[in-house]
Protein backbone atom coordinates (compact mmCIF):
# COMPACT_ATOMS: atom_id res chain seq x y z
CA UNK A 1 101.38 137.61 82.97
CA UNK A 2 98.75 134.84 84.04
CA UNK A 3 98.64 135.13 87.89
CA UNK A 4 97.94 131.36 88.03
CA UNK A 5 100.43 129.67 89.51
CA UNK A 6 101.38 125.67 90.48
CA UNK A 7 99.21 124.62 93.13
CA UNK A 8 96.08 126.71 91.64
CA UNK A 9 93.04 125.21 90.63
CA UNK A 10 92.70 125.31 87.21
CA UNK A 11 89.62 127.71 85.79
CA UNK A 12 86.64 126.22 84.39
CA UNK A 13 86.45 126.60 80.91
CA UNK A 14 84.45 125.47 77.61
CA UNK A 15 85.12 126.31 74.48
CA UNK A 16 84.73 124.82 70.55
CA UNK A 17 87.54 123.04 68.73
CA UNK A 18 88.21 123.20 65.17
CA UNK A 19 84.68 120.98 64.02
CA UNK A 20 82.57 122.68 66.42
CA UNK A 21 83.23 120.38 69.61
CA UNK A 22 82.74 121.49 73.20
CA UNK A 23 85.26 120.91 75.82
CA UNK A 24 85.49 121.45 79.09
CA UNK A 25 87.92 121.09 82.12
CA UNK A 26 85.24 119.08 83.23
CA UNK A 27 85.81 116.54 80.43
CA UNK A 28 89.37 115.77 81.29
CA UNK A 29 88.91 114.81 85.21
CA UNK A 30 90.63 111.76 86.18
CA UNK A 31 93.66 112.58 83.14
CA UNK A 32 95.85 114.94 82.99
CA UNK A 33 95.56 118.12 80.91
CA UNK A 34 98.34 120.05 78.52
CA UNK A 35 96.80 122.97 77.78
CA UNK A 36 99.01 125.30 75.27
CA UNK A 37 97.69 128.62 74.24
CA UNK A 38 99.67 130.02 71.02
CA UNK A 39 99.60 133.29 69.54
CA UNK A 40 98.63 132.06 65.80
CA UNK A 41 98.14 129.51 63.87
CA UNK A 42 100.46 128.34 60.82
CA UNK A 43 102.90 130.96 62.38
CA UNK A 44 106.31 129.65 62.69
CA UNK A 45 107.06 129.79 66.51
CA UNK A 46 103.10 128.49 66.61
CA UNK A 47 103.66 125.25 63.89
CA UNK A 48 107.45 124.27 65.44
CA UNK A 49 105.33 124.53 69.38
CA UNK A 50 102.66 122.72 67.74
CA UNK A 51 105.10 119.75 65.86
CA UNK A 52 107.11 119.32 68.41
CA UNK A 53 103.65 117.82 70.72
CA UNK A 54 102.90 116.21 67.63
CA UNK A 55 105.90 114.27 67.37
CA UNK A 56 105.84 113.80 70.67
CA UNK A 57 102.46 112.51 71.15
CA UNK A 58 102.40 109.27 71.36
CA UNK A 59 104.86 109.91 75.06
CA UNK A 60 102.06 112.03 76.22
CA UNK A 61 99.17 109.30 75.47
CA UNK A 62 101.65 106.78 77.25
CA UNK A 63 101.81 108.99 80.44
CA UNK A 64 98.11 109.63 80.63
CA UNK A 65 97.88 113.37 79.01
CA UNK A 66 95.88 114.79 76.52
CA UNK A 67 96.61 117.99 75.30
CA UNK A 68 94.64 120.96 73.46
CA UNK A 69 95.72 123.72 71.35
CA UNK A 70 94.55 127.22 72.32
CA UNK A 71 94.49 130.48 70.13
CA UNK A 72 92.10 133.25 69.22
CA UNK A 73 91.91 132.02 65.71
CA UNK A 74 88.34 130.74 63.47
CA UNK A 75 87.82 127.73 63.42
CA UNK A 76 88.27 127.67 59.53
CA UNK A 77 92.20 128.48 60.51
CA UNK A 78 92.09 125.99 64.20
CA UNK A 79 91.28 122.92 60.94
CA UNK A 80 93.31 123.89 58.42
CA UNK A 81 96.38 124.13 60.58
CA UNK A 82 95.25 121.08 61.91
CA UNK A 83 95.09 119.46 58.68
CA UNK A 84 98.36 120.70 57.28
CA UNK A 85 100.28 119.20 59.82
CA UNK A 86 98.01 116.55 60.86
CA UNK A 87 97.84 117.13 64.39
CA UNK A 88 96.28 114.40 66.96
CA UNK A 89 95.25 116.92 69.54
CA UNK A 90 92.08 118.97 69.32
CA UNK A 91 93.05 122.82 68.51
CA UNK A 92 89.99 125.22 70.19
CA UNK A 93 89.06 128.38 68.04
CA UNK A 94 88.81 130.71 70.92
CA UNK A 95 87.77 133.63 69.00
CA UNK A 96 85.70 135.25 72.33
CA UNK A 97 89.02 134.78 74.33
CA UNK A 98 86.80 133.73 76.87
CA UNK A 99 89.30 130.93 77.49
CA UNK A 100 92.57 132.87 76.96
CA UNK A 101 91.03 135.35 79.59
CA UNK A 102 90.43 132.63 82.37
CA UNK A 103 93.91 131.14 82.03
CA UNK A 104 95.08 135.03 82.25
CA UNK A 105 97.38 134.59 79.32
CA UNK A 106 95.67 137.95 76.93
CA UNK A 107 97.18 141.56 77.36
CA UNK A 108 100.04 143.41 75.77
CA UNK A 109 102.94 142.88 74.42
CA UNK A 110 105.85 143.80 72.35
CA UNK A 111 106.96 142.48 68.68
CA UNK A 112 109.54 144.87 66.75
CA UNK A 113 109.10 148.04 68.37
CA UNK A 114 105.40 148.30 68.57
CA UNK A 115 103.29 147.92 71.63
CA UNK A 116 100.00 145.76 71.31
CA UNK A 117 97.14 143.00 73.04
CA UNK A 118 98.28 139.60 71.86
CA UNK A 119 98.57 135.79 73.21
CA UNK A 120 101.16 134.98 75.50
CA UNK A 121 103.12 131.47 74.41
CA UNK A 122 101.98 129.82 78.28
CA UNK A 123 101.46 126.01 78.93
CA UNK A 124 99.37 124.87 81.77
CA UNK A 125 100.01 120.97 83.20
CA UNK A 126 97.07 120.34 85.15
CA UNK A 127 96.69 116.93 87.04
CA UNK A 128 93.50 114.52 86.87
CA UNK A 129 91.87 116.54 89.89
CA UNK A 130 92.07 119.67 88.33
CA UNK A 131 95.22 121.13 89.78
CA UNK A 132 97.15 123.36 87.86
CA UNK A 133 100.98 121.55 88.22
CA UNK A 134 103.13 124.07 85.92
CA UNK A 135 103.22 126.70 84.38
CA UNK A 136 105.66 126.96 81.41
CA UNK A 137 105.78 130.74 80.32
CA UNK A 138 109.24 129.87 78.87
CA UNK A 139 108.16 127.97 76.40
CA UNK A 140 111.23 126.29 74.56
CA UNK A 141 108.67 126.12 70.91
CA UNK A 142 110.98 123.34 69.27
CA UNK A 143 111.54 121.42 72.48
CA UNK A 144 108.52 122.03 74.22
CA UNK A 145 107.16 118.66 75.01
CA UNK A 146 110.74 118.06 76.88
CA UNK A 147 109.82 120.87 78.86
CA UNK A 148 106.16 119.14 80.16
CA UNK A 149 107.19 115.99 80.30
CA UNK A 150 110.79 116.82 82.43
């Protein structure tokens, strides 16, 4: 779905997290950043994915990674999701889809024979210089940390 690939410069983005705090690509210069896009807070696949990342958070931190979850949910929904599962990383509430569209993960999807537009579950691994090191489109929700930290 996304046209971004390994070696591309990550798109500049700006969005607010569940508490209204702003986040931009520039905030993460000098660190590796994992930006994971998920369709909807508090749904089974998204919960499994975010919990796997939470459970491996110490491994990410030990390797100089920051994590940032993104969906089109409201700040309130993101806050409830974060608090319910005790995520140690921020969740962007990208209701206007500016970050989602910058990364090219919004588009037509099929579910149970119906077509609709939505977020394609995709993860971007961005290096210290803001260059994309990996794009993971075939996300294994229960083993996502292993896919990223391979």
